[in-house]
Protein backbone atom coordinates (compact mmCIF):
# COMPACT_ATOMS: atom_id res chain seq x y z
CA MET A 1 22.76 -173.23 -43.35
CA PRO A 2 26.08 -173.41 -41.62
CA VAL A 3 26.31 -171.89 -38.26
CA SER A 4 28.95 -169.34 -39.29
CA ALA A 5 26.91 -168.23 -42.37
CA SER A 6 23.82 -167.88 -40.10
CA LYS A 7 25.80 -165.71 -37.72
CA ASP A 8 27.05 -163.54 -40.39
CA LYS A 9 23.51 -163.17 -41.84
CA LYS A 10 22.31 -162.07 -38.40
CA LYS A 11 25.08 -159.54 -37.87
CA THR A 12 24.39 -158.07 -41.26
CA GLU A 13 20.66 -157.68 -40.47
CA GLU A 14 21.48 -156.28 -37.07
CA LYS A 15 23.85 -153.64 -38.82
CA LYS A 16 21.12 -152.78 -41.28
CA THR A 17 18.61 -152.19 -38.49
CA LYS A 18 21.03 -150.18 -36.45
CA ASN A 19 21.86 -147.99 -39.51
CA SER A 20 18.17 -147.63 -40.27
CA GLU A 21 17.47 -146.53 -36.77
CA GLN A 22 20.32 -144.08 -36.63
CA SER A 23 19.01 -142.59 -40.10
CA VAL A 24 15.50 -142.22 -38.66
CA LEU A 25 16.97 -140.61 -35.42
CA GLU A 26 19.03 -138.06 -37.47
CA GLN A 27 16.09 -137.12 -39.66
CA ALA A 28 13.91 -136.61 -36.55
CA LYS A 29 16.52 -134.50 -34.85
CA ILE A 30 16.83 -132.27 -37.85
CA MET A 31 13.01 -131.87 -38.16
CA TYR A 32 13.00 -131.11 -34.34
CA ALA A 33 15.68 -128.40 -34.83
CA GLN A 34 13.72 -126.89 -37.70
CA TYR A 35 10.47 -126.67 -35.74
CA ASN A 36 8.82 -129.31 -37.90
CA TYR A 37 7.48 -131.22 -34.82
CA ASP A 38 4.53 -132.84 -36.40
CA GLU A 39 6.54 -134.42 -39.20
CA ALA A 40 9.15 -135.62 -36.73
CA ILE A 41 6.47 -137.39 -34.54
CA LYS A 42 4.91 -138.76 -37.70
CA LEU A 43 8.24 -140.24 -38.76
CA LEU A 44 8.96 -141.64 -35.40
CA LYS A 45 5.58 -143.25 -34.95
CA SER A 46 5.67 -144.85 -38.34
CA GLN A 47 8.63 -147.11 -37.14
CA LYS A 48 7.42 -150.58 -36.14
CA ASP A 49 9.30 -150.55 -32.89
CA PHE A 50 8.33 -147.09 -31.99
CA GLU A 51 6.85 -147.96 -28.51
CA LYS A 52 9.94 -150.18 -27.60
CA ASN A 53 12.54 -147.65 -28.72
CA LYS A 54 13.51 -145.26 -26.00
CA ASP A 55 15.32 -142.86 -28.35
CA TYR A 56 12.26 -142.64 -30.53
CA MET A 57 9.98 -142.04 -27.52
CA ASP A 58 12.31 -139.29 -26.02
CA ILE A 59 12.55 -137.41 -29.20
CA ALA A 60 8.73 -137.55 -29.89
CA ALA A 61 8.05 -136.33 -26.32
CA LYS A 62 10.52 -133.39 -26.73
CA CYS A 63 8.52 -132.56 -29.89
CA GLN A 64 5.30 -132.36 -28.04
CA VAL A 65 6.67 -130.17 -25.33
CA ALA A 66 8.34 -127.78 -27.98
CA LYS A 67 5.11 -127.67 -30.05
CA ALA A 68 3.07 -126.51 -27.12
CA SER A 69 5.26 -123.43 -26.79
CA LEU A 70 5.07 -122.21 -30.38
CA VAL A 71 3.40 -118.91 -31.20
CA GLU A 72 2.03 -117.64 -34.34
CA TYR A 73 3.93 -115.00 -36.19
CA PRO A 74 2.02 -112.24 -37.83
CA ILE A 75 2.30 -112.71 -41.59
CA GLU A 76 2.35 -109.06 -42.55
CA LYS A 77 5.46 -108.45 -40.46
CA ILE A 78 7.67 -110.79 -42.41
CA THR A 79 10.48 -109.21 -44.36
CA HIS A 80 11.97 -110.38 -47.76
CA VAL A 81 15.57 -109.76 -48.45
CA PHE A 82 17.47 -110.35 -51.70
CA PHE A 83 21.03 -110.49 -53.20
CA HIS A 84 22.37 -110.77 -56.62
CA THR A 85 25.33 -113.08 -57.56
CA LEU A 86 27.93 -112.80 -54.90
CA VAL A 87 31.43 -111.44 -55.61
CA LYS A 88 34.14 -114.01 -55.05
CA ASP A 89 37.27 -111.85 -56.08
CA THR A 90 36.74 -108.21 -55.34
CA SER A 91 39.95 -107.24 -57.20
CA LYS A 92 38.35 -108.36 -60.48
CA ALA A 93 34.88 -107.20 -59.80
CA PHE A 94 36.04 -103.65 -58.68
CA ASP A 95 38.93 -103.13 -61.05
CA GLY A 96 37.58 -99.81 -62.43
CA ASP A 97 36.40 -101.05 -65.81
CA SER A 98 32.98 -100.16 -67.24
CA ASP A 99 31.02 -102.79 -65.27
CA SER A 100 32.71 -102.24 -61.82
CA GLY A 101 30.41 -99.22 -60.84
CA GLY A 102 27.34 -101.31 -61.44
CA TYR A 103 28.86 -104.16 -59.51
CA ASN A 104 29.70 -101.95 -56.66
CA GLN A 105 25.96 -100.76 -56.50
CA VAL A 106 24.07 -103.96 -56.79
CA MET A 107 26.32 -106.97 -55.85
CA THR A 108 27.35 -108.21 -52.37
CA THR A 109 30.67 -109.84 -51.62
CA ILE A 110 31.00 -113.26 -50.03
CA ASP A 111 32.44 -111.90 -46.98
CA GLU A 112 29.53 -109.36 -46.59
CA PHE A 113 27.08 -112.17 -47.18
CA ASN A 114 28.53 -114.54 -44.52
CA LYS A 115 28.53 -111.67 -42.04
CA ILE A 116 25.00 -110.73 -42.90
CA ILE A 117 23.61 -114.42 -42.42
CA GLN A 118 25.52 -114.88 -39.20
CA THR A 119 24.28 -111.63 -37.68
CA MET A 120 20.64 -112.45 -38.76
CA TYR A 121 21.01 -116.00 -37.28
CA ASP A 122 22.25 -114.45 -34.12
CA LYS A 123 19.20 -112.13 -33.86
CA GLY A 124 16.79 -114.98 -34.28
CA TYR A 125 15.93 -114.81 -37.92
CA VAL A 126 14.60 -117.92 -39.55
CA LEU A 127 14.02 -118.81 -43.26
CA VAL A 128 10.50 -119.40 -44.43
CA SER A 129 8.90 -119.49 -47.78
CA PRO A 130 6.08 -117.46 -49.43
CA HIS A 131 4.08 -120.80 -49.65
CA ASP A 132 4.21 -120.83 -45.87
CA MET A 133 2.73 -117.35 -45.82
CA ALA A 134 -0.11 -118.10 -48.16
CA THR A 135 -1.51 -121.17 -49.90
CA VAL A 136 -3.28 -121.77 -53.13
CA ASN A 137 -6.65 -123.43 -53.21
CA LYS A 138 -7.92 -125.73 -55.99
CA ASP A 139 -9.94 -122.85 -57.48
CA GLY A 140 -7.01 -120.52 -57.64
CA SER A 141 -7.96 -118.50 -54.53
CA MET A 142 -5.49 -117.72 -51.81
CA SER A 143 -5.77 -118.56 -48.12
CA ARG A 144 -3.57 -117.11 -45.26
CA GLY A 145 -0.94 -119.47 -44.10
CA LYS A 146 0.10 -120.01 -40.32
CA ILE A 147 3.75 -119.75 -39.28
CA MET A 148 4.43 -121.12 -35.80
CA LEU A 149 7.87 -120.55 -34.22
CA PRO A 150 9.31 -120.35 -30.67
CA LYS A 151 8.81 -116.92 -29.20
CA GLY A 152 11.79 -114.55 -30.14
CA LYS A 153 12.22 -116.23 -33.57
CA ILE A 154 11.67 -113.87 -36.63
CA PRO A 155 10.81 -115.44 -39.93
CA PHE A 156 12.17 -113.95 -43.25
CA VAL A 157 12.14 -114.82 -46.99
CA LEU A 158 15.42 -114.79 -48.89
CA SER A 159 15.94 -114.66 -52.75
CA GLN A 160 18.60 -114.12 -55.27
CA ASP A 161 18.22 -112.64 -58.74
CA ASP A 162 19.83 -113.55 -62.05
CA VAL A 163 21.41 -116.85 -61.02
CA SER A 164 22.55 -117.48 -64.80
CA TYR A 165 26.11 -116.33 -64.58
CA TYR A 166 25.77 -114.30 -67.57
CA HIS A 167 28.40 -113.99 -70.24
CA TYR A 168 29.21 -110.42 -69.46
CA MET A 169 30.47 -111.42 -66.05
CA ASP A 170 33.19 -113.79 -67.30
CA GLY A 171 36.44 -112.86 -65.72
CA ASP A 172 35.09 -110.50 -63.33
CA GLY A 173 35.46 -112.52 -60.16
CA TYR A 174 32.23 -114.51 -60.19
CA ALA A 175 31.60 -118.18 -60.22
CA SER A 176 30.88 -119.59 -63.58
CA ARG A 177 28.14 -122.16 -62.72
CA LEU A 178 26.47 -124.42 -60.24
CA VAL A 179 27.44 -128.07 -60.24
CA LEU A 180 27.05 -131.16 -58.27
CA ASP A 181 30.16 -132.49 -56.38
CA LYS A 182 31.05 -136.06 -55.87
CA ASN A 183 28.66 -136.22 -52.77
CA GLY A 184 25.69 -134.87 -54.82
CA GLU A 185 26.00 -131.55 -53.09
CA VAL A 186 25.48 -128.20 -55.02
CA LYS A 187 28.71 -126.20 -55.31
CA CYS A 188 30.11 -123.54 -57.66
CA GLU A 189 32.77 -123.81 -60.29
CA TYR A 190 35.21 -120.83 -60.43
CA ILE A 191 37.65 -120.46 -63.39
CA GLU A 192 41.08 -119.49 -62.21
CA ASP A 193 43.46 -117.22 -64.03
CA ASP A 194 45.32 -120.11 -65.48
CA GLY A 195 42.12 -121.68 -66.85
CA THR A 196 41.91 -124.40 -64.16
CA VAL A 197 38.52 -124.88 -62.52
CA SER A 198 38.03 -124.81 -58.66
CA VAL A 199 34.96 -126.16 -57.01
CA GLY A 200 33.63 -124.69 -53.73
CA ASN A 201 31.19 -122.33 -51.88
CA TYR A 202 31.48 -119.40 -54.12
CA ASP A 203 27.86 -118.04 -54.19
CA MET A 204 24.73 -117.97 -52.17
CA VAL A 205 23.34 -121.50 -52.63
CA PRO A 206 26.39 -123.61 -51.43
CA LEU A 207 27.07 -121.01 -48.76
CA LEU A 208 23.64 -121.15 -47.29
CA ASP A 209 23.51 -124.87 -47.76
CA GLU A 210 26.61 -125.20 -45.53
CA PHE A 211 25.28 -122.70 -43.00
CA VAL A 212 22.01 -124.43 -42.57
CA LYS A 213 23.89 -127.83 -42.17
CA GLN A 214 25.66 -126.38 -39.29
CA HIS A 215 22.62 -124.35 -38.04
CA PRO A 216 19.55 -126.28 -38.84
CA ASP A 217 17.46 -124.06 -36.63
CA PHE A 218 18.00 -121.24 -39.27
CA SER A 219 15.57 -123.07 -41.40
CA TYR A 220 11.83 -123.38 -40.85
CA HIS A 221 10.81 -127.04 -41.97
CA GLY A 222 13.80 -127.18 -44.22
CA ARG A 223 13.21 -123.87 -46.11
CA LYS A 224 16.08 -122.33 -48.05
CA GLY A 225 15.78 -119.43 -50.58
CA ILE A 226 14.30 -118.54 -53.93
CA LEU A 227 16.28 -118.29 -57.04
CA ALA A 228 14.80 -115.68 -59.60
CA MET A 229 15.79 -116.96 -63.15
CA THR A 230 15.82 -115.42 -66.49
CA GLY A 231 16.37 -117.50 -69.56
CA TYR A 232 18.17 -115.58 -72.42
CA ASN A 233 21.73 -116.84 -71.40
CA GLY A 234 20.56 -120.00 -69.90
CA VAL A 235 20.16 -121.13 -66.26
CA LEU A 236 22.55 -121.76 -63.32
CA GLY A 237 25.56 -121.15 -65.69
CA TYR A 238 24.34 -123.74 -68.30
CA ARG A 239 23.69 -122.47 -71.90
CA THR A 240 20.12 -123.87 -72.06
CA ASP A 241 18.35 -121.41 -74.07
CA ILE A 242 17.09 -122.76 -77.46
CA ALA A 243 19.16 -120.03 -79.36
CA TYR A 244 22.41 -121.89 -78.53
CA LYS A 245 21.00 -125.02 -80.26
CA THR A 246 19.39 -123.18 -83.30
CA LYS A 247 21.96 -120.56 -83.49
CA GLU A 248 19.38 -118.12 -84.46
CA ASN A 249 19.04 -114.48 -83.10
CA LEU A 250 22.22 -114.87 -81.18
CA GLN A 251 23.62 -111.87 -79.09
CA ASP A 252 27.25 -111.05 -79.68
CA ASN A 253 28.29 -112.70 -76.37
CA GLN A 254 26.39 -115.81 -77.26
CA ARG A 255 28.11 -116.08 -80.71
CA GLU A 256 31.46 -115.61 -79.15
CA PHE A 257 30.83 -118.26 -76.65
CA LEU A 258 29.84 -120.76 -79.27
CA GLU A 259 32.96 -119.69 -81.43
CA LYS A 260 35.19 -120.44 -78.40
CA HIS A 261 33.51 -123.70 -77.55
CA PRO A 262 33.08 -125.48 -80.95
CA ASP A 263 32.36 -128.76 -79.06
CA PHE A 264 29.52 -127.29 -76.99
CA ASP A 265 26.85 -129.92 -76.35
CA TYR A 266 23.37 -128.29 -75.81
CA GLU A 267 21.60 -131.46 -74.70
CA ALA A 268 24.34 -132.06 -72.16
CA ASP A 269 23.92 -128.57 -70.68
CA VAL A 270 20.22 -129.04 -70.50
CA ALA A 271 20.54 -132.37 -68.74
CA ALA A 272 23.10 -130.98 -66.27
CA ALA A 273 21.06 -127.90 -65.43
CA LYS A 274 18.09 -130.00 -64.66
CA LYS A 275 19.96 -132.28 -62.54
CA VAL A 276 21.29 -129.45 -60.34
CA ALA A 277 17.94 -127.80 -60.20
CA ASP A 278 16.45 -131.13 -58.99
CA ALA A 279 19.07 -131.46 -56.36
CA MET A 280 18.32 -127.88 -55.15
CA LYS A 281 14.58 -128.53 -54.92
CA ALA A 282 15.09 -131.54 -52.91
CA ASN A 283 17.21 -129.58 -50.49
CA GLY A 284 14.56 -126.84 -49.91
CA TRP A 285 15.24 -124.33 -52.68
CA LEU A 286 12.52 -122.77 -54.74
CA PHE A 287 12.65 -121.13 -58.23
CA ALA A 288 10.92 -118.01 -59.59
CA SER A 289 10.53 -116.38 -62.81
CA HIS A 290 12.55 -113.11 -63.32
CA THR A 291 10.97 -113.03 -66.91
CA TRP A 292 12.86 -114.75 -69.59
CA GLY A 293 14.43 -111.57 -70.92
CA HIS A 294 14.87 -109.57 -67.74
CA GLN A 295 11.75 -107.34 -68.76
CA ASN A 296 10.36 -104.44 -67.07
CA VAL A 297 6.70 -105.51 -66.55
CA GLY A 298 5.47 -102.14 -65.48
CA GLN A 299 6.61 -100.68 -68.91
CA ILE A 300 6.11 -103.43 -71.63
CA ASP A 301 2.70 -104.03 -73.01
CA LEU A 302 0.65 -107.13 -72.77
CA ALA A 303 1.72 -108.61 -76.02
CA HIS A 304 5.47 -108.29 -75.25
CA LEU A 305 4.80 -109.83 -71.68
CA GLN A 306 2.97 -112.74 -73.33
CA THR A 307 5.88 -113.39 -75.79
CA ASP A 308 8.45 -113.23 -73.01
CA THR A 309 6.48 -115.53 -70.65
CA GLU A 310 6.07 -118.02 -73.43
CA LYS A 311 9.85 -118.02 -73.82
CA PHE A 312 10.25 -118.76 -70.14
CA LYS A 313 7.79 -121.49 -70.12
CA GLU A 314 9.41 -123.09 -73.14
CA ASN A 315 13.08 -122.69 -72.24
CA VAL A 316 13.09 -122.45 -68.31
CA ASP A 317 10.16 -124.21 -66.84
CA PRO A 318 11.19 -127.70 -68.08
CA LEU A 319 14.52 -127.28 -66.20
CA ILE A 320 13.13 -126.07 -62.88
CA GLY A 321 9.84 -128.02 -62.88
CA GLY A 322 7.75 -124.92 -63.27
CA THR A 323 7.04 -122.12 -60.73
CA ASP A 324 4.03 -120.13 -59.41
CA ILE A 325 6.26 -117.21 -58.21
CA ILE A 326 7.33 -114.30 -60.18
CA ILE A 327 9.91 -111.92 -59.03
CA PHE A 328 9.93 -108.75 -61.13
CA ALA A 329 13.08 -107.59 -62.71
CA PHE A 330 14.30 -103.95 -62.24
CA GLY A 331 12.26 -103.86 -58.80
CA THR A 332 9.27 -102.83 -60.91
CA ASP A 333 5.66 -104.10 -60.31
CA LEU A 334 2.68 -104.55 -62.43
CA THR A 335 0.91 -101.54 -61.12
CA ALA A 336 1.38 -98.58 -58.80
CA GLN A 337 -2.28 -99.16 -57.51
CA GLU A 338 -3.04 -100.75 -54.18
CA ASP A 339 -4.48 -103.83 -55.67
CA TYR A 340 -3.61 -105.93 -58.75
CA SER A 341 -6.05 -105.77 -61.75
CA GLY A 342 -5.99 -105.44 -65.56
CA ASP A 343 -4.87 -107.54 -68.45
CA LYS A 344 -1.40 -108.15 -67.41
CA PHE A 345 -2.30 -109.46 -64.08
CA GLU A 346 -5.11 -111.60 -65.56
CA TYR A 347 -2.72 -113.07 -68.02
CA LEU A 348 0.07 -113.95 -65.41
CA LYS A 349 -2.62 -115.44 -63.14
CA SER A 350 -4.05 -117.52 -66.00
CA VAL A 351 -0.64 -119.07 -66.82
CA GLY A 352 -0.14 -120.13 -63.14
CA TYR A 353 1.53 -117.32 -61.18
CA ASN A 354 0.03 -116.81 -57.79
CA TYR A 355 3.03 -115.16 -55.83
CA PHE A 356 4.29 -111.78 -56.98
CA CYS A 357 7.29 -109.84 -55.62
CA ASN A 358 8.60 -106.45 -56.33
CA VAL A 359 11.33 -104.22 -54.60
CA ASP A 360 10.02 -102.19 -51.78
CA SER A 361 12.82 -101.15 -49.39
CA SER A 362 10.37 -100.66 -46.50
CA LYS A 363 10.59 -103.04 -43.58
CA TYR A 364 7.57 -104.95 -44.48
CA PHE A 365 5.17 -105.14 -47.32
CA VAL A 366 2.91 -108.15 -47.51
CA GLN A 367 -0.40 -108.17 -49.32
CA ILE A 368 -2.67 -111.37 -49.39
CA ARG A 369 -5.77 -110.94 -51.56
CA ASP A 370 -8.39 -113.32 -52.78
CA ARG A 371 -6.38 -114.30 -55.80
CA TYR A 372 -2.71 -113.52 -55.23
CA PHE A 373 0.08 -112.93 -52.66
CA ARG A 374 2.30 -109.90 -53.07
CA GLN A 375 5.44 -109.03 -51.12
CA GLY A 376 8.02 -106.31 -51.26
CA ARG A 377 11.75 -107.07 -51.14
CA ARG A 378 14.78 -105.33 -49.65
CA ASN A 379 18.16 -105.14 -51.48
CA LEU A 380 21.16 -106.01 -49.32
CA ASP A 381 23.88 -104.59 -51.71
CA GLY A 382 26.65 -102.00 -51.87
CA TYR A 383 24.20 -99.10 -52.59
CA ARG A 384 21.89 -99.74 -49.66
CA MET A 385 24.62 -100.40 -47.18
CA TYR A 386 26.55 -97.25 -48.14
CA TYR A 387 23.62 -94.75 -48.58
CA ASN A 388 20.94 -96.06 -46.39
CA PRO A 389 22.46 -98.07 -43.62
CA GLU A 390 19.59 -96.98 -41.21
CA LEU A 391 17.21 -98.98 -43.43
CA LEU A 392 19.06 -102.14 -42.44
CA GLU A 393 19.36 -101.78 -38.75
CA ASP A 394 16.76 -104.39 -37.92
CA LEU A 395 18.91 -106.93 -39.85
CA PHE A 396 22.52 -106.03 -39.20
CA ASP A 397 24.99 -103.14 -38.59
CA ALA A 398 25.93 -102.18 -42.20
CA LYS A 399 29.30 -100.60 -41.05
CA ALA A 400 30.38 -103.79 -39.42
CA VAL A 401 29.41 -105.65 -42.53
CA PHE A 402 30.69 -103.51 -45.39
CA ASP A 403 33.73 -104.99 -47.23
CA PRO A 404 36.72 -102.81 -46.84
CA SER A 405 37.76 -103.81 -50.34
CA ARG A 406 34.73 -102.20 -51.89
CA PRO A 407 35.62 -98.94 -53.52
CA THR A 408 33.98 -95.74 -51.97
CA PRO A 409 32.06 -93.74 -52.58
CA VAL A 410 29.72 -96.31 -54.04
CA PRO A 411 28.33 -94.65 -57.27
CA PRO A 412 25.12 -93.04 -56.89
CA MET A 413 22.12 -94.34 -58.97
CA GLY A 414 21.05 -92.51 -62.02
């Protein structure tokens, strides 16, 4: 081999080694920032030159010191907050039409969301998962988890409901769907007035991804949030329900959509939705059932629940990879009793659900039993900020967060 070729090969190999080392260091530093010290040490020690690499040794030593200072956080004192789809354009969402009152009650604006997340971060809150709080054993029983954080850090769970970008929201100032940009990152599409499509951080997923990228210590072991999915209009803004393919039992807005899009490709939407979901899961996000048809599980009978659940498993599970979390629609619950029992619980448990969430606006509600995990959630929306700001004081100052473009008074419920 000529000398010049040998030198070029050597330089190429050195460059690869340097890039590999830099990649390992970056991964380890993120793990360190996210309190995942054991995995950082494991990664570093797996490198062949670990004992000869000062940078590797230094980070591993820092991890050992930081790990020794961690304290266990009480599981029963972990709060769970949630949002619906975020409002991008308040002039459209709050324009006085028949939907604007409901939007004012249960939606949150992007400006409000950004202020809430920043405030919670400043207070020491850290994202965790229900899977950290309790684990499922091979026999289906549940065991308590253990969350170890630096003193002063406060774990919390975050979720978002109805991330389907329903037809009825078209033109009302919301994103139209989640997409992957040229870098493989999850972003939102937004349809402008002139019909052009913008891509950006227009809902919770890309906003939180960007925040955690800038503040990795806001995430425990890389955790993000949970998206509670229905299926009747598809998922993530893609029209993936089988009705769009068979054209049977269509709702009016589904029929209108198909008429406006004669070239609609069902298989392409299914493939795109799965690709986005896979990217999200790889980046720390979880999915949950919100029931296929946004059902009130406290009111429907067992047969109705079974039919709806089968639709979810046929139409949604293949896209999200399945889930063992169910977040009940309408804030309802399986029972008003202290513990779960009965046919509906046994059915949901039998088809793989282990984690159950309702809406309970108290600061904490966590229940770990032999066969299930149950947690209450707190709505961070216009209604709660306007009428019960005192219930949010541990999280943020509602008056400082409240978007001035939101019409007041916020309509009362009922």
